[in-house]
């Protein structure tokens, strides 16, 4: 059995305030936990699992560094889980420590202006990983990349894509030599750009789009051509289509 203080601590990591305070987050489910362990991008402080969950670790390479594994009863695991249907294994990881300086020349970089839905953010991180986008800059109002729902949807992509929460206007002002592309309605057809070797691609809030202050700093407004009657595209879907168009 695990004590009440441990249960309370792991439960607290479902909330951003405590994740920030302790610099830790939780990951659930065999696929997510195993991929984060194998990525070597996060230090694992402990694994909590049911008897069935423990069996999921058997196919890890013998060289995999594992923390202490706590095998607990199903009813105890239900108390720890952030999922409506608990998935037998949960791990506590330390957040990544990111470099204070980042080389952005000769790369495509994503800028997210208040993407507030965790599902959208998680999908965008996986899309970024698919298209080899190394860096994503987010406004402070963007969903927390270490929230359980985001971690769940990103799989190990969270380890390979580096997210920074900062003032986007300052990033744009610091890199005046890098071209800035805003995804909007009524811009230039994205298919006209061809392959882009460098640039900032800015994706706006799900309902409000990109803020006027940021739009004033962009060089190009780009649009995915519409052939039907839909009012708009999901932010993550739009990100995927644009990256496919400019990285192919």
C-alpha atoms as a PDB file:
ATOM      1  CA  UNK A   1       0.000   0.000   0.000  1.00  0.00           C
ATOM      2  CA  UNK A   2       1.046   3.609  -0.481  1.00  0.00           C
ATOM      3  CA  UNK A   3       0.528   6.242   2.148  1.00  0.00           C
ATOM      4  CA  UNK A   4      -1.982   9.076   2.019  1.00  0.00           C
ATOM      5  CA  UNK A   5       0.667  11.774   1.572  1.00  0.00           C
ATOM      6  CA  UNK A   6       1.959  10.071  -1.606  1.00  0.00           C
ATOM      7  CA  UNK A   7      -1.571   9.777  -2.984  1.00  0.00           C
ATOM      8  CA  UNK A   8      -2.245  13.415  -2.193  1.00  0.00           C
ATOM      9  CA  UNK A   9       1.024  14.509  -3.826  1.00  0.00           C
ATOM     10  CA  UNK A  10       0.406  12.603  -7.071  1.00  0.00           C
ATOM     11  CA  UNK A  11      -3.162  13.894  -7.202  1.00  0.00           C
ATOM     12  CA  UNK A  12      -1.818  17.436  -6.787  1.00  0.00           C
ATOM     13  CA  UNK A  13       0.222  17.061  -9.988  1.00  0.00           C
ATOM     14  CA  UNK A  14      -3.032  17.138 -11.939  1.00  0.00           C
ATOM     15  CA  UNK A  15      -2.955  20.913 -11.280  1.00  0.00           C
ATOM     16  CA  UNK A  16      -0.580  23.376 -12.956  1.00  0.00           C
ATOM     17  CA  UNK A  17       0.183  25.227  -9.723  1.00  0.00           C
ATOM     18  CA  UNK A  18       1.688  22.111  -8.152  1.00  0.00           C
ATOM     19  CA  UNK A  19       3.427  20.968 -11.343  1.00  0.00           C
ATOM     20  CA  UNK A  20       5.164  24.333 -11.480  1.00  0.00           C
ATOM     21  CA  UNK A  21       5.982  24.275  -7.773  1.00  0.00           C
ATOM     22  CA  UNK A  22       7.526  20.789  -7.809  1.00  0.00           C
ATOM     23  CA  UNK A  23       8.791  20.828 -11.403  1.00  0.00           C
ATOM     24  CA  UNK A  24       7.196  17.427 -11.989  1.00  0.00           C
ATOM     25  CA  UNK A  25       4.335  15.937 -14.008  1.00  0.00           C
ATOM     26  CA  UNK A  26       2.514  12.627 -14.398  1.00  0.00           C
ATOM     27  CA  UNK A  27       2.155  10.330 -17.392  1.00  0.00           C
ATOM     28  CA  UNK A  28      -0.352   7.486 -17.596  1.00  0.00           C
ATOM     29  CA  UNK A  29      -0.786   4.372 -19.677  1.00  0.00           C
ATOM     30  CA  UNK A  30       1.763   1.772 -20.847  1.00  0.00           C
ATOM     31  CA  UNK A  31       2.525   3.342 -24.230  1.00  0.00           C
ATOM     32  CA  UNK A  32       3.095   6.867 -22.906  1.00  0.00           C
ATOM     33  CA  UNK A  33       5.126   5.756 -19.903  1.00  0.00           C
ATOM     34  CA  UNK A  34       7.317   3.359 -21.900  1.00  0.00           C
ATOM     35  CA  UNK A  35       8.005   5.866 -24.669  1.00  0.00           C
ATOM     36  CA  UNK A  36       8.949   8.605 -22.195  1.00  0.00           C
ATOM     37  CA  UNK A  37      11.261   6.180 -20.375  1.00  0.00           C
ATOM     38  CA  UNK A  38      12.931   5.176 -23.642  1.00  0.00           C
ATOM     39  CA  UNK A  39      13.276   8.778 -24.830  1.00  0.00           C
ATOM     40  CA  UNK A  40      15.789   9.553 -22.050  1.00  0.00           C
ATOM     41  CA  UNK A  41      14.522  13.140 -22.097  1.00  0.00           C
ATOM     42  CA  UNK A  42      12.887  13.032 -18.679  1.00  0.00           C
ATOM     43  CA  UNK A  43      14.113  11.727 -15.347  1.00  0.00           C
ATOM     44  CA  UNK A  44      11.554   9.386 -13.796  1.00  0.00           C
ATOM     45  CA  UNK A  45      11.064   9.614 -10.022  1.00  0.00           C
ATOM     46  CA  UNK A  46       8.732   6.644  -9.587  1.00  0.00           C
ATOM     47  CA  UNK A  47       6.358   4.243 -11.280  1.00  0.00           C
ATOM     48  CA  UNK A  48       3.022   3.254  -9.733  1.00  0.00           C
ATOM     49  CA  UNK A  49       1.135   0.349 -11.240  1.00  0.00           C
ATOM     50  CA  UNK A  50      -1.247  -2.513 -10.704  1.00  0.00           C
ATOM     51  CA  UNK A  51      -0.084  -6.101 -11.170  1.00  0.00           C
ATOM     52  CA  UNK A  52      -1.218  -5.907 -14.801  1.00  0.00           C
ATOM     53  CA  UNK A  53       0.584  -2.597 -15.224  1.00  0.00           C
ATOM     54  CA  UNK A  54       3.857  -4.077 -13.980  1.00  0.00           C
ATOM     55  CA  UNK A  55       3.746  -6.650 -16.773  1.00  0.00           C
ATOM     56  CA  UNK A  56       3.803  -3.847 -19.372  1.00  0.00           C
ATOM     57  CA  UNK A  57       7.391  -3.062 -18.367  1.00  0.00           C
ATOM     58  CA  UNK A  58       8.680  -6.547 -19.153  1.00  0.00           C
ATOM     59  CA  UNK A  59       9.409  -5.814 -22.815  1.00  0.00           C
ATOM     60  CA  UNK A  60      11.582  -2.762 -22.085  1.00  0.00           C
ATOM     61  CA  UNK A  61      15.256  -3.221 -23.021  1.00  0.00           C
ATOM     62  CA  UNK A  62      17.262  -4.531 -20.079  1.00  0.00           C
ATOM     63  CA  UNK A  63      19.473  -1.448 -20.284  1.00  0.00           C
ATOM     64  CA  UNK A  64      16.522   0.861 -19.504  1.00  0.00           C
ATOM     65  CA  UNK A  65      17.119   2.761 -16.278  1.00  0.00           C
ATOM     66  CA  UNK A  66      14.077   2.313 -14.082  1.00  0.00           C
ATOM     67  CA  UNK A  67      13.187   4.120 -10.843  1.00  0.00           C
ATOM     68  CA  UNK A  68      11.500   2.437  -7.896  1.00  0.00           C
ATOM     69  CA  UNK A  69       8.371   0.571  -9.030  1.00  0.00           C
ATOM     70  CA  UNK A  70       5.435   0.541  -6.602  1.00  0.00           C
ATOM     71  CA  UNK A  71       2.951  -2.242  -7.305  1.00  0.00           C
ATOM     72  CA  UNK A  72      -0.374  -1.318  -5.739  1.00  0.00           C
ATOM     73  CA  UNK A  73      -3.946  -2.577  -5.634  1.00  0.00           C
ATOM     74  CA  UNK A  74      -6.467  -1.527  -8.263  1.00  0.00           C
ATOM     75  CA  UNK A  75      -8.482   0.555  -5.803  1.00  0.00           C
ATOM     76  CA  UNK A  76      -5.353   2.495  -4.813  1.00  0.00           C
ATOM     77  CA  UNK A  77      -4.423   3.107  -8.438  1.00  0.00           C
ATOM     78  CA  UNK A  78      -7.869   4.563  -9.111  1.00  0.00           C
ATOM     79  CA  UNK A  79      -7.123   7.227  -6.493  1.00  0.00           C
ATOM     80  CA  UNK A  80      -3.958   8.279  -8.358  1.00  0.00           C
ATOM     81  CA  UNK A  81      -5.293   8.295 -11.898  1.00  0.00           C
ATOM     82  CA  UNK A  82      -6.332  11.438 -13.751  1.00  0.00           C
ATOM     83  CA  UNK A  83      -8.169   9.351 -16.354  1.00  0.00           C
ATOM     84  CA  UNK A  84     -11.840   8.432 -16.303  1.00  0.00           C
ATOM     85  CA  UNK A  85     -10.727   4.884 -17.166  1.00  0.00           C
ATOM     86  CA  UNK A  86      -7.414   4.262 -15.355  1.00  0.00           C
ATOM     87  CA  UNK A  87      -4.825   2.444 -17.454  1.00  0.00           C
ATOM     88  CA  UNK A  88      -2.868   0.393 -14.875  1.00  0.00           C
ATOM     89  CA  UNK A  89       0.421   2.349 -14.882  1.00  0.00           C
ATOM     90  CA  UNK A  90       1.424   5.878 -13.937  1.00  0.00           C
ATOM     91  CA  UNK A  91       4.841   7.507 -13.685  1.00  0.00           C
ATOM     92  CA  UNK A  92       6.083  10.737 -12.107  1.00  0.00           C
ATOM     93  CA  UNK A  93       8.642  12.570 -14.254  1.00  0.00           C
ATOM     94  CA  UNK A  94      10.711  15.693 -13.787  1.00  0.00           C
ATOM     95  CA  UNK A  95      10.166  18.452 -16.316  1.00  0.00           C
ATOM     96  CA  UNK A  96      12.862  19.158 -18.885  1.00  0.00           C
ATOM     97  CA  UNK A  97      15.379  21.915 -18.272  1.00  0.00           C
ATOM     98  CA  UNK A  98      15.563  23.926 -21.494  1.00  0.00           C
ATOM     99  CA  UNK A  99      18.490  25.961 -22.765  1.00  0.00           C
ATOM    100  CA  UNK A 100      18.140  29.717 -22.256  1.00  0.00           C
ATOM    101  CA  UNK A 101      19.409  30.472 -25.784  1.00  0.00           C
ATOM    102  CA  UNK A 102      18.039  28.800 -28.883  1.00  0.00           C
ATOM    103  CA  UNK A 103      19.228  28.799 -32.494  1.00  0.00           C
ATOM    104  CA  UNK A 104      16.236  29.525 -34.737  1.00  0.00           C
ATOM    105  CA  UNK A 105      17.953  30.415 -38.018  1.00  0.00           C
ATOM    106  CA  UNK A 106      17.500  27.990 -40.924  1.00  0.00           C
ATOM    107  CA  UNK A 107      14.552  26.350 -39.172  1.00  0.00           C
ATOM    108  CA  UNK A 108      10.783  26.493 -39.150  1.00  0.00           C
ATOM    109  CA  UNK A 109       9.455  27.416 -35.717  1.00  0.00           C
ATOM    110  CA  UNK A 110       5.870  27.370 -34.430  1.00  0.00           C
ATOM    111  CA  UNK A 111       4.403  30.249 -32.413  1.00  0.00           C
ATOM    112  CA  UNK A 112       1.112  29.545 -30.628  1.00  0.00           C
ATOM    113  CA  UNK A 113      -1.018  32.535 -29.693  1.00  0.00           C
ATOM    114  CA  UNK A 114      -3.289  31.401 -26.826  1.00  0.00           C
ATOM    115  CA  UNK A 115      -4.046  27.816 -27.905  1.00  0.00           C
ATOM    116  CA  UNK A 116      -6.206  26.980 -24.901  1.00  0.00           C
ATOM    117  CA  UNK A 117      -7.539  23.501 -25.611  1.00  0.00           C
ATOM    118  CA  UNK A 118      -5.185  20.811 -24.215  1.00  0.00           C
ATOM    119  CA  UNK A 119      -6.246  18.388 -26.954  1.00  0.00           C
ATOM    120  CA  UNK A 120      -5.294  20.895 -29.640  1.00  0.00           C
ATOM    121  CA  UNK A 121      -1.942  21.581 -28.005  1.00  0.00           C
ATOM    122  CA  UNK A 122      -1.150  17.892 -27.663  1.00  0.00           C
ATOM    123  CA  UNK A 123      -1.980  17.272 -31.311  1.00  0.00           C
ATOM    124  CA  UNK A 124       0.095  20.260 -32.437  1.00  0.00           C
ATOM    125  CA  UNK A 125       3.105  18.938 -30.498  1.00  0.00           C
ATOM    126  CA  UNK A 126       2.806  15.559 -32.240  1.00  0.00           C
ATOM    127  CA  UNK A 127       2.430  17.278 -35.616  1.00  0.00           C
ATOM    128  CA  UNK A 128       5.514  19.377 -34.880  1.00  0.00           C
ATOM    129  CA  UNK A 129       7.450  16.217 -34.060  1.00  0.00           C
ATOM    130  CA  UNK A 130       6.228  14.549 -37.276  1.00  0.00           C
ATOM    131  CA  UNK A 131       7.527  17.449 -39.371  1.00  0.00           C
ATOM    132  CA  UNK A 132      10.762  17.796 -37.357  1.00  0.00           C
ATOM    133  CA  UNK A 133       9.850  21.151 -35.821  1.00  0.00           C
ATOM    134  CA  UNK A 134      12.176  21.433 -32.835  1.00  0.00           C
ATOM    135  CA  UNK A 135      10.870  24.559 -31.117  1.00  0.00           C
ATOM    136  CA  UNK A 136       7.409  25.825 -30.232  1.00  0.00           C
ATOM    137  CA  UNK A 137       6.918  29.190 -28.517  1.00  0.00           C
ATOM    138  CA  UNK A 138       3.647  29.699 -26.644  1.00  0.00           C
ATOM    139  CA  UNK A 139       1.950  32.625 -24.958  1.00  0.00           C
ATOM    140  CA  UNK A 140       1.532  32.196 -21.177  1.00  0.00           C
ATOM    141  CA  UNK A 141      -2.225  31.750 -21.757  1.00  0.00           C
ATOM    142  CA  UNK A 142      -1.615  28.674 -23.915  1.00  0.00           C
ATOM    143  CA  UNK A 143      -2.544  25.337 -22.296  1.00  0.00           C
ATOM    144  CA  UNK A 144       0.127  23.775 -20.080  1.00  0.00           C
ATOM    145  CA  UNK A 145       2.125  21.191 -22.046  1.00  0.00           C
ATOM    146  CA  UNK A 146       2.560  19.115 -18.863  1.00  0.00           C
ATOM    147  CA  UNK A 147      -1.148  18.784 -18.096  1.00  0.00           C
ATOM    148  CA  UNK A 148      -2.254  15.124 -18.033  1.00  0.00           C
ATOM    149  CA  UNK A 149      -4.395  15.482 -21.155  1.00  0.00           C
ATOM    150  CA  UNK A 150      -1.570  17.052 -23.184  1.00  0.00           C
ATOM    151  CA  UNK A 151       0.989  14.496 -21.988  1.00  0.00           C
ATOM    152  CA  UNK A 152      -1.439  11.699 -22.860  1.00  0.00           C
ATOM    153  CA  UNK A 153      -1.987  12.937 -26.400  1.00  0.00           C
ATOM    154  CA  UNK A 154       1.622  13.811 -27.255  1.00  0.00           C
ATOM    155  CA  UNK A 155       3.181  10.433 -26.446  1.00  0.00           C
ATOM    156  CA  UNK A 156       6.984  10.782 -26.513  1.00  0.00           C
ATOM    157  CA  UNK A 157       6.810  13.837 -28.795  1.00  0.00           C
ATOM    158  CA  UNK A 158       6.834  15.950 -25.629  1.00  0.00           C
ATOM    159  CA  UNK A 159      10.456  14.913 -25.149  1.00  0.00           C
ATOM    160  CA  UNK A 160      11.586  15.764 -28.665  1.00  0.00           C
ATOM    161  CA  UNK A 161       9.779  19.088 -29.159  1.00  0.00           C
ATOM    162  CA  UNK A 162      10.948  21.970 -26.968  1.00  0.00           C
ATOM    163  CA  UNK A 163       8.178  24.280 -25.722  1.00  0.00           C
ATOM    164  CA  UNK A 164       8.821  27.758 -24.340  1.00  0.00           C
ATOM    165  CA  UNK A 165       6.199  29.942 -22.651  1.00  0.00           C
ATOM    166  CA  UNK A 166       6.994  33.594 -23.276  1.00  0.00           C
ATOM    167  CA  UNK A 167       5.879  36.883 -24.835  1.00  0.00           C
ATOM    168  CA  UNK A 168       5.560  36.193 -28.563  1.00  0.00           C
ATOM    169  CA  UNK A 169       5.964  39.847 -29.495  1.00  0.00           C
ATOM    170  CA  UNK A 170       9.401  39.906 -27.893  1.00  0.00           C
ATOM    171  CA  UNK A 171      10.419  36.774 -29.830  1.00  0.00           C
ATOM    172  CA  UNK A 172       9.359  38.413 -33.085  1.00  0.00           C
ATOM    173  CA  UNK A 173      11.178  41.631 -32.219  1.00  0.00           C
ATOM    174  CA  UNK A 174      14.362  39.754 -31.329  1.00  0.00           C
ATOM    175  CA  UNK A 175      14.419  37.953 -34.689  1.00  0.00           C
ATOM    176  CA  UNK A 176      13.643  40.625 -37.259  1.00  0.00           C
ATOM    177  CA  UNK A 177      15.707  38.722 -39.839  1.00  0.00           C
ATOM    178  CA  UNK A 178      13.377  35.696 -39.723  1.00  0.00           C
ATOM    179  CA  UNK A 179      10.251  35.903 -41.876  1.00  0.00           C
ATOM    180  CA  UNK A 180       6.929  35.693 -40.057  1.00  0.00           C
ATOM    181  CA  UNK A 181       3.901  33.847 -41.463  1.00  0.00           C
ATOM    182  CA  UNK A 182       0.456  34.154 -39.880  1.00  0.00           C
ATOM    183  CA  UNK A 183      -2.228  31.531 -40.481  1.00  0.00           C
ATOM    184  CA  UNK A 184      -5.424  33.504 -41.132  1.00  0.00           C
ATOM    185  CA  UNK A 185      -8.529  33.585 -43.276  1.00  0.00           C
ATOM    186  CA  UNK A 186      -8.256  35.676 -46.419  1.00  0.00           C
ATOM    187  CA  UNK A 187      -4.503  35.484 -46.856  1.00  0.00           C
ATOM    188  CA  UNK A 188      -2.297  34.147 -49.651  1.00  0.00           C
ATOM    189  CA  UNK A 189      -2.829  30.520 -50.706  1.00  0.00           C
ATOM    190  CA  UNK A 190      -0.326  28.407 -48.751  1.00  0.00           C
ATOM    191  CA  UNK A 191       0.328  26.307 -51.854  1.00  0.00           C
ATOM    192  CA  UNK A 192       2.053  29.281 -53.484  1.00  0.00           C
ATOM    193  CA  UNK A 193       4.938  29.282 -51.011  1.00  0.00           C
ATOM    194  CA  UNK A 194       6.605  26.001 -51.814  1.00  0.00           C
ATOM    195  CA  UNK A 195       9.152  24.609 -49.378  1.00  0.00           C
ATOM    196  CA  UNK A 196      10.217  26.979 -46.590  1.00  0.00           C
ATOM    197  CA  UNK A 197      13.653  26.520 -45.028  1.00  0.00           C
ATOM    198  CA  UNK A 198      13.165  29.153 -42.325  1.00  0.00           C
ATOM    199  CA  UNK A 199      10.417  31.147 -40.683  1.00  0.00           C
ATOM    200  CA  UNK A 200       7.974  31.626 -37.841  1.00  0.00           C
ATOM    201  CA  UNK A 201       4.557  30.048 -38.399  1.00  0.00           C
ATOM    202  CA  UNK A 202       1.994  31.683 -36.107  1.00  0.00           C
ATOM    203  CA  UNK A 203      -1.194  29.819 -35.152  1.00  0.00           C
ATOM    204  CA  UNK A 204      -3.939  31.734 -33.358  1.00  0.00           C
ATOM    205  CA  UNK A 205      -6.481  31.092 -30.645  1.00  0.00           C
ATOM    206  CA  UNK A 206      -9.279  28.622 -31.477  1.00  0.00           C
ATOM    207  CA  UNK A 207     -12.014  31.297 -31.502  1.00  0.00           C
ATOM    208  CA  UNK A 208     -10.273  34.687 -31.670  1.00  0.00           C
ATOM    209  CA  UNK A 209      -7.412  33.897 -34.016  1.00  0.00           C
ATOM    210  CA  UNK A 210      -4.130  35.796 -33.848  1.00  0.00           C
ATOM    211  CA  UNK A 211      -4.069  38.991 -31.780  1.00  0.00           C
ATOM    212  CA  UNK A 212      -3.880  42.328 -33.592  1.00  0.00           C
ATOM    213  CA  UNK A 213      -0.598  43.193 -31.868  1.00  0.00           C
ATOM    214  CA  UNK A 214       1.090  40.121 -33.328  1.00  0.00           C
ATOM    215  CA  UNK A 215      -0.567  40.496 -36.740  1.00  0.00           C
ATOM    216  CA  UNK A 216       1.004  43.939 -37.030  1.00  0.00           C
ATOM    217  CA  UNK A 217       4.449  42.320 -36.968  1.00  0.00           C
ATOM    218  CA  UNK A 218       3.948  39.576 -39.573  1.00  0.00           C
ATOM    219  CA  UNK A 219       5.393  39.584 -43.091  1.00  0.00           C
ATOM    220  CA  UNK A 220       2.916  37.236 -44.768  1.00  0.00           C
ATOM    221  CA  UNK A 221      -0.669  36.177 -44.118  1.00  0.00           C
ATOM    222  CA  UNK A 222      -1.269  32.663 -45.363  1.00  0.00           C
ATOM    223  CA  UNK A 223      -4.491  30.716 -45.855  1.00  0.00           C
ATOM    224  CA  UNK A 224      -5.536  27.147 -46.551  1.00  0.00           C
ATOM    225  CA  UNK A 225      -7.887  27.329 -49.578  1.00  0.00           C
ATOM    226  CA  UNK A 226     -11.508  26.418 -48.835  1.00  0.00           C
ATOM    227  CA  UNK A 227     -13.732  24.446 -51.200  1.00  0.00           C
ATOM    228  CA  UNK A 228     -16.731  23.737 -48.956  1.00  0.00           C
ATOM    229  CA  UNK A 229     -18.945  25.632 -46.546  1.00  0.00           C
ATOM    230  CA  UNK A 230     -17.140  25.101 -43.213  1.00  0.00           C
ATOM    231  CA  UNK A 231     -16.526  28.355 -41.354  1.00  0.00           C
ATOM    232  CA  UNK A 232     -13.022  27.493 -40.193  1.00  0.00           C
ATOM    233  CA  UNK A 233     -10.557  24.680 -39.432  1.00  0.00           C
ATOM    234  CA  UNK A 234      -9.480  23.295 -36.080  1.00  0.00           C
ATOM    235  CA  UNK A 235      -6.166  24.902 -35.039  1.00  0.00           C
ATOM    236  CA  UNK A 236      -4.298  21.599 -34.933  1.00  0.00           C
ATOM    237  CA  UNK A 237      -5.701  20.472 -38.290  1.00  0.00           C
ATOM    238  CA  UNK A 238      -4.680  23.789 -39.850  1.00  0.00           C
ATOM    239  CA  UNK A 239      -1.174  23.427 -38.418  1.00  0.00           C
ATOM    240  CA  UNK A 240      -0.811  19.988 -39.967  1.00  0.00           C
ATOM    241  CA  UNK A 241      -2.028  21.083 -43.402  1.00  0.00           C
ATOM    242  CA  UNK A 242       0.235  24.132 -43.484  1.00  0.00           C
ATOM    243  CA  UNK A 243       3.324  22.200 -42.355  1.00  0.00           C
ATOM    244  CA  UNK A 244       2.624  19.529 -44.968  1.00  0.00           C
ATOM    245  CA  UNK A 245       2.408  22.256 -47.612  1.00  0.00           C
ATOM    246  CA  UNK A 246       5.618  24.085 -46.682  1.00  0.00           C
ATOM    247  CA  UNK A 247       7.890  21.190 -45.692  1.00  0.00           C
ATOM    248  CA  UNK A 248       7.219  18.775 -48.558  1.00  0.00           C
END
